[in-house]
């Protein structure tokens, strides 16, 4: 009886190396699944933010044309919207670190990986 009790006490010291390795492998598999999903979600969010910025800039360009008689959307550039007594856009939005351009009233992104217009 004493021998069985001593053997049971000896086996309760902690986790075995195999058990720890199984946990490490499981965590590795979960990370391998999570990283691509995170990257796709981040890229999707950046693309949607770019489209939202394009819509905002086009709205500001329309407000500029409405406020300035004789101007058309062809006359609008980014500096018209950012400088002057009444700013139509408070900060210069960026798309991946690049600026937006306005041509014929259409805002395009200067990003290295173009994603078009909304």
N, C-alpha and C. Protein backbone atom coordinates (compact mmCIF):
# COMPACT_ATOMS: atom_id res chain seq x y z
N UNK A 1 0.82 -1.19 0.00
CA UNK A 1 0.00 0.00 0.00
C UNK A 1 0.87 1.26 0.00
N UNK A 2 1.91 1.27 0.77
CA UNK A 2 2.80 2.43 0.82
C UNK A 2 3.51 2.64 -0.52
N UNK A 3 3.82 1.53 -1.18
CA UNK A 3 4.51 1.61 -2.46
C UNK A 3 3.61 2.27 -3.52
N UNK A 4 2.34 1.96 -3.57
CA UNK A 4 1.38 2.55 -4.52
C UNK A 4 1.21 4.03 -4.22
N UNK A 5 1.14 4.39 -2.97
CA UNK A 5 0.98 5.79 -2.60
C UNK A 5 2.20 6.59 -3.03
N UNK A 6 3.40 6.05 -2.84
CA UNK A 6 4.62 6.73 -3.26
C UNK A 6 4.67 6.89 -4.79
N UNK A 7 4.23 5.91 -5.55
CA UNK A 7 4.24 5.98 -7.00
C UNK A 7 3.25 7.03 -7.51
N UNK A 8 2.10 7.17 -6.88
CA UNK A 8 1.11 8.16 -7.30
C UNK A 8 1.61 9.57 -7.01
N UNK A 9 2.31 9.76 -5.89
CA UNK A 9 2.85 11.07 -5.58
C UNK A 9 3.93 11.46 -6.58
N UNK A 10 4.72 10.51 -7.01
CA UNK A 10 5.81 10.79 -7.93
C UNK A 10 5.27 11.22 -9.31
N UNK A 11 4.14 10.75 -9.77
CA UNK A 11 3.58 11.06 -11.08
C UNK A 11 2.85 12.40 -11.12
N UNK A 12 2.65 13.05 -10.02
CA UNK A 12 1.90 14.31 -10.00
C UNK A 12 2.83 15.52 -9.94
N UNK A 13 3.97 15.45 -10.56
CA UNK A 13 4.92 16.55 -10.48
C UNK A 13 4.65 17.66 -11.51
N UNK A 14 4.04 17.41 -12.62
CA UNK A 14 3.80 18.44 -13.63
C UNK A 14 3.46 17.82 -14.97
N UNK A 15 3.57 18.67 -16.01
CA UNK A 15 3.25 18.22 -17.36
C UNK A 15 4.46 17.51 -17.96
N UNK A 16 4.19 16.57 -18.81
CA UNK A 16 5.28 15.90 -19.53
C UNK A 16 5.67 16.71 -20.74
N UNK A 17 6.80 16.41 -21.30
CA UNK A 17 7.29 17.12 -22.48
C UNK A 17 6.34 16.93 -23.66
N UNK A 18 5.78 15.75 -23.80
CA UNK A 18 4.85 15.48 -24.90
C UNK A 18 3.60 16.35 -24.77
N UNK A 19 3.08 16.48 -23.57
CA UNK A 19 1.89 17.32 -23.37
C UNK A 19 2.19 18.77 -23.71
N UNK A 20 3.34 19.26 -23.30
CA UNK A 20 3.71 20.64 -23.63
C UNK A 20 3.90 20.83 -25.13
N UNK A 21 4.47 19.87 -25.80
CA UNK A 21 4.66 19.97 -27.25
C UNK A 21 3.32 19.95 -27.99
N UNK A 22 2.38 19.18 -27.52
CA UNK A 22 1.05 19.16 -28.13
C UNK A 22 0.41 20.53 -28.02
N UNK A 23 0.53 21.16 -26.87
CA UNK A 23 -0.03 22.51 -26.68
C UNK A 23 0.66 23.50 -27.61
N UNK A 24 1.97 23.43 -27.75
CA UNK A 24 2.69 24.33 -28.65
C UNK A 24 2.26 24.12 -30.10
N UNK A 25 2.07 22.90 -30.53
CA UNK A 25 1.63 22.61 -31.89
C UNK A 25 0.22 23.17 -32.12
N UNK A 26 -0.66 23.00 -31.17
CA UNK A 26 -2.03 23.52 -31.30
C UNK A 26 -2.01 25.04 -31.42
N UNK A 27 -1.22 25.70 -30.59
CA UNK A 27 -1.12 27.16 -30.66
C UNK A 27 -0.53 27.58 -32.01
N UNK A 28 0.45 26.85 -32.51
CA UNK A 28 1.03 27.15 -33.82
C UNK A 28 0.01 27.04 -34.95
N UNK A 29 -0.82 26.03 -34.90
CA UNK A 29 -1.86 25.86 -35.93
C UNK A 29 -2.87 27.00 -35.85
N UNK A 30 -3.26 27.39 -34.66
CA UNK A 30 -4.21 28.50 -34.51
C UNK A 30 -3.63 29.81 -35.04
N UNK A 31 -2.36 30.06 -34.78
CA UNK A 31 -1.71 31.27 -35.28
C UNK A 31 -1.60 31.22 -36.80
N UNK A 32 -1.29 30.05 -37.35
CA UNK A 32 -1.19 29.92 -38.81
C UNK A 32 -2.53 30.19 -39.50
N UNK A 33 -3.61 29.92 -38.82
CA UNK A 33 -4.94 30.21 -39.37
C UNK A 33 -5.30 31.67 -39.18
N UNK A 34 -4.94 32.25 -38.04
CA UNK A 34 -5.37 33.60 -37.68
C UNK A 34 -4.64 34.69 -38.47
N UNK A 35 -3.37 34.52 -38.78
CA UNK A 35 -2.60 35.59 -39.43
C UNK A 35 -3.14 35.92 -40.82
N UNK A 36 -3.40 34.96 -41.70
CA UNK A 36 -3.97 35.34 -43.02
C UNK A 36 -5.34 35.99 -42.91
N UNK A 37 -6.14 35.55 -41.97
CA UNK A 37 -7.46 36.16 -41.80
C UNK A 37 -7.30 37.62 -41.36
N UNK A 38 -6.37 37.86 -40.45
CA UNK A 38 -6.12 39.23 -39.98
C UNK A 38 -5.62 40.11 -41.13
N UNK A 39 -4.71 39.59 -41.94
CA UNK A 39 -4.18 40.37 -43.07
C UNK A 39 -5.27 40.70 -44.08
N UNK A 40 -6.15 39.75 -44.37
CA UNK A 40 -7.25 40.01 -45.31
C UNK A 40 -8.21 41.04 -44.75
N UNK A 41 -8.50 40.95 -43.47
CA UNK A 41 -9.41 41.92 -42.84
C UNK A 41 -8.80 43.31 -42.87
N UNK A 42 -7.52 43.42 -42.60
CA UNK A 42 -6.85 44.72 -42.63
C UNK A 42 -6.86 45.32 -44.03
N UNK A 43 -6.56 44.52 -45.03
CA UNK A 43 -6.56 45.01 -46.42
C UNK A 43 -7.95 45.46 -46.84
N UNK A 44 -8.97 44.70 -46.45
CA UNK A 44 -10.35 45.06 -46.77
C UNK A 44 -10.73 46.38 -46.10
N UNK A 45 -10.33 46.58 -44.86
CA UNK A 45 -10.64 47.81 -44.15
C UNK A 45 -9.95 49.01 -44.79
N UNK A 46 -8.70 48.84 -45.23
CA UNK A 46 -7.99 49.93 -45.89
C UNK A 46 -8.65 50.29 -47.22
N UNK A 47 -9.11 49.30 -47.96
CA UNK A 47 -9.79 49.56 -49.22
C UNK A 47 -11.10 50.32 -48.99
N UNK A 48 -11.85 49.90 -48.00
CA UNK A 48 -13.11 50.59 -47.70
C UNK A 48 -12.86 52.02 -47.22
N UNK A 49 -11.79 52.23 -46.44
CA UNK A 49 -11.44 53.58 -46.00
C UNK A 49 -11.07 54.46 -47.19
N UNK A 50 -10.38 53.89 -48.17
CA UNK A 50 -10.03 54.65 -49.37
C UNK A 50 -11.28 55.06 -50.13
N UNK A 51 -12.23 54.15 -50.28
CA UNK A 51 -13.48 54.49 -50.96
C UNK A 51 -14.25 55.57 -50.20
N UNK A 52 -14.26 55.51 -48.89
CA UNK A 52 -14.94 56.53 -48.08
C UNK A 52 -14.25 57.88 -48.26
N UNK A 53 -12.92 57.89 -48.31
CA UNK A 53 -12.20 59.14 -48.54
C UNK A 53 -12.51 59.70 -49.92
N UNK A 54 -12.61 58.84 -50.93
CA UNK A 54 -12.94 59.31 -52.27
C UNK A 54 -14.31 59.97 -52.30
N UNK A 55 -15.28 59.36 -51.65
CA UNK A 55 -16.62 59.96 -51.60
C UNK A 55 -16.61 61.29 -50.87
N UNK A 56 -15.84 61.39 -49.79
CA UNK A 56 -15.75 62.63 -49.03
C UNK A 56 -15.11 63.73 -49.87
N UNK A 57 -14.04 63.41 -50.58
CA UNK A 57 -13.36 64.41 -51.40
C UNK A 57 -14.26 64.85 -52.55
N UNK A 58 -14.98 63.92 -53.16
CA UNK A 58 -15.90 64.30 -54.23
C UNK A 58 -17.03 65.19 -53.71
N UNK A 59 -17.51 64.91 -52.50
CA UNK A 59 -18.52 65.78 -51.89
C UNK A 59 -17.97 67.17 -51.62
N UNK A 60 -16.73 67.24 -51.13
CA UNK A 60 -16.10 68.54 -50.89
C UNK A 60 -15.89 69.30 -52.19
N UNK A 61 -15.55 68.58 -53.26
CA UNK A 61 -15.38 69.23 -54.56
C UNK A 61 -16.70 69.79 -55.05
N UNK A 62 -17.77 69.06 -54.85
CA UNK A 62 -19.09 69.57 -55.25
C UNK A 62 -19.47 70.80 -54.44
N UNK A 63 -19.15 70.79 -53.15
CA UNK A 63 -19.43 71.98 -52.32
C UNK A 63 -18.60 73.17 -52.77
N UNK A 64 -17.35 72.93 -53.16
CA UNK A 64 -16.50 74.01 -53.66
C UNK A 64 -17.08 74.63 -54.93
N UNK A 65 -17.54 73.78 -55.83
CA UNK A 65 -18.14 74.27 -57.08
C UNK A 65 -19.41 75.05 -56.79
N UNK A 66 -20.21 74.57 -55.85
CA UNK A 66 -21.46 75.26 -55.52
C UNK A 66 -21.19 76.62 -54.88
N UNK A 67 -20.14 76.73 -54.10
CA UNK A 67 -19.82 77.98 -53.42
C UNK A 67 -19.12 78.99 -54.32
N UNK A 68 -18.45 78.55 -55.35
CA UNK A 68 -17.66 79.43 -56.22
C UNK A 68 -18.32 79.48 -57.59
N UNK A 69 -19.00 80.57 -57.86
CA UNK A 69 -19.71 80.75 -59.12
C UNK A 69 -18.72 80.74 -60.28
N UNK A 70 -19.08 80.06 -61.33
CA UNK A 70 -18.26 80.01 -62.53
C UNK A 70 -17.25 78.88 -62.52
N UNK A 71 -17.15 78.17 -61.44
CA UNK A 71 -16.21 77.04 -61.38
C UNK A 71 -16.94 75.76 -61.75
N UNK A 72 -16.21 74.83 -62.34
CA UNK A 72 -16.75 73.51 -62.65
C UNK A 72 -15.89 72.47 -61.96
N UNK A 73 -16.32 71.22 -62.02
CA UNK A 73 -15.54 70.15 -61.41
C UNK A 73 -14.18 69.98 -62.09
N UNK A 74 -14.07 70.42 -63.35
CA UNK A 74 -12.78 70.35 -64.03
C UNK A 74 -11.76 71.31 -63.42
N UNK A 75 -12.24 72.39 -62.77
CA UNK A 75 -11.35 73.39 -62.17
C UNK A 75 -10.86 73.01 -60.78
N UNK A 76 -11.43 71.98 -60.22
CA UNK A 76 -11.12 71.63 -58.83
C UNK A 76 -9.87 70.77 -58.78
N UNK A 77 -8.98 71.14 -57.88
CA UNK A 77 -7.86 70.26 -57.55
C UNK A 77 -7.78 70.16 -56.03
N UNK A 78 -6.89 69.35 -55.56
CA UNK A 78 -6.82 69.09 -54.12
C UNK A 78 -6.50 70.35 -53.34
N UNK A 79 -5.71 71.26 -53.91
CA UNK A 79 -5.34 72.47 -53.17
C UNK A 79 -6.53 73.40 -52.99
N UNK A 80 -7.47 73.43 -53.94
CA UNK A 80 -8.67 74.24 -53.77
C UNK A 80 -9.46 73.80 -52.55
N UNK A 81 -9.42 72.53 -52.27
CA UNK A 81 -10.22 71.99 -51.18
C UNK A 81 -9.53 72.16 -49.83
N UNK A 82 -8.21 72.31 -49.82
CA UNK A 82 -7.48 72.33 -48.56
C UNK A 82 -7.07 73.73 -48.10
N UNK A 83 -6.90 74.66 -49.03
CA UNK A 83 -6.42 75.99 -48.64
C UNK A 83 -7.52 77.02 -48.81
N UNK A 84 -7.31 78.19 -48.25
CA UNK A 84 -8.28 79.27 -48.38
C UNK A 84 -8.95 79.56 -47.05
N UNK A 85 -9.80 80.57 -47.06
CA UNK A 85 -10.48 80.99 -45.84
C UNK A 85 -11.43 79.91 -45.34
N UNK A 86 -12.12 79.24 -46.25
CA UNK A 86 -13.03 78.18 -45.84
C UNK A 86 -12.51 76.86 -46.38
N UNK A 87 -12.05 76.03 -45.51
CA UNK A 87 -11.54 74.74 -45.93
C UNK A 87 -12.70 73.76 -46.06
N UNK A 88 -12.67 73.00 -47.10
CA UNK A 88 -13.70 72.00 -47.33
C UNK A 88 -13.30 70.64 -46.75
N UNK A 89 -12.00 70.44 -46.60
CA UNK A 89 -11.48 69.24 -45.97
C UNK A 89 -10.46 69.70 -44.93
N UNK A 90 -10.62 69.26 -43.70
CA UNK A 90 -9.73 69.74 -42.63
C UNK A 90 -8.33 69.14 -42.70
N UNK A 91 -8.22 67.89 -43.05
CA UNK A 91 -6.91 67.24 -43.14
C UNK A 91 -6.78 66.61 -44.52
N UNK A 92 -5.56 66.44 -44.95
CA UNK A 92 -5.30 65.83 -46.25
C UNK A 92 -5.36 64.31 -46.09
N UNK A 93 -6.42 63.66 -46.59
CA UNK A 93 -6.51 62.20 -46.43
C UNK A 93 -5.47 61.50 -47.29
N UNK A 94 -5.01 60.37 -46.80
CA UNK A 94 -4.01 59.57 -47.50
C UNK A 94 -4.55 58.17 -47.75
N UNK A 95 -4.08 57.57 -48.81
CA UNK A 95 -4.41 56.19 -49.13
C UNK A 95 -3.12 55.40 -49.19
N UNK A 96 -2.81 54.70 -48.14
CA UNK A 96 -1.56 53.96 -48.09
C UNK A 96 -0.35 54.87 -48.12
N UNK A 97 -0.47 56.08 -47.56
CA UNK A 97 0.64 57.03 -47.54
C UNK A 97 0.69 57.92 -48.77
N UNK A 98 -0.13 57.68 -49.77
CA UNK A 98 -0.14 58.47 -50.99
C UNK A 98 -1.35 59.40 -51.00
N UNK A 99 -1.23 60.48 -51.76
CA UNK A 99 -2.31 61.45 -51.85
C UNK A 99 -3.31 61.05 -52.93
N UNK A 100 -4.47 61.68 -52.86
CA UNK A 100 -5.50 61.49 -53.87
C UNK A 100 -5.33 62.57 -54.94
N UNK A 101 -5.77 62.25 -56.15
CA UNK A 101 -5.76 63.22 -57.23
C UNK A 101 -7.18 63.38 -57.76
N UNK A 102 -7.46 64.58 -58.25
CA UNK A 102 -8.78 64.87 -58.81
C UNK A 102 -8.59 65.24 -60.27
N UNK A 103 -9.29 64.53 -61.14
CA UNK A 103 -9.26 64.83 -62.57
C UNK A 103 -10.67 64.70 -63.11
N UNK A 104 -11.19 65.78 -63.67
CA UNK A 104 -12.54 65.82 -64.23
C UNK A 104 -13.59 65.43 -63.19
N UNK A 105 -13.36 65.82 -61.95
CA UNK A 105 -14.33 65.54 -60.90
C UNK A 105 -14.28 64.14 -60.34
N UNK A 106 -13.34 63.33 -60.82
CA UNK A 106 -13.22 61.95 -60.33
C UNK A 106 -11.96 61.86 -59.48
N UNK A 107 -12.11 61.34 -58.28
CA UNK A 107 -11.00 61.20 -57.35
C UNK A 107 -10.38 59.83 -57.53
N UNK A 108 -9.06 59.80 -57.69
CA UNK A 108 -8.35 58.54 -57.80
C UNK A 108 -7.30 58.46 -56.70
N UNK A 109 -6.98 57.25 -56.36
CA UNK A 109 -6.03 56.97 -55.30
C UNK A 109 -4.65 56.78 -55.91
N UNK A 110 -3.64 57.34 -55.27
CA UNK A 110 -2.28 57.19 -55.76
C UNK A 110 -1.57 56.00 -55.16
N UNK A 111 -2.31 55.04 -54.64
CA UNK A 111 -1.73 53.88 -53.97
C UNK A 111 -1.01 53.00 -54.99
N UNK A 112 0.04 52.33 -54.52
CA UNK A 112 0.82 51.45 -55.40
C UNK A 112 -0.02 50.26 -55.86
N UNK A 113 -0.94 49.81 -55.03
CA UNK A 113 -1.84 48.73 -55.44
C UNK A 113 -3.22 49.33 -55.67
N UNK A 114 -3.50 49.76 -56.88
CA UNK A 114 -4.77 50.45 -57.13
C UNK A 114 -5.96 49.54 -56.90
N UNK A 115 -7.00 50.12 -56.33
CA UNK A 115 -8.24 49.37 -56.12
C UNK A 115 -9.40 50.09 -56.74
N UNK A 116 -9.11 50.98 -57.67
CA UNK A 116 -10.16 51.58 -58.46
C UNK A 116 -10.96 52.64 -57.73
N UNK A 117 -12.13 52.82 -58.20
CA UNK A 117 -13.05 53.83 -57.70
C UNK A 117 -14.30 53.11 -57.24
N UNK A 118 -14.90 53.60 -56.17
CA UNK A 118 -16.06 52.89 -55.58
C UNK A 118 -17.20 52.71 -56.52
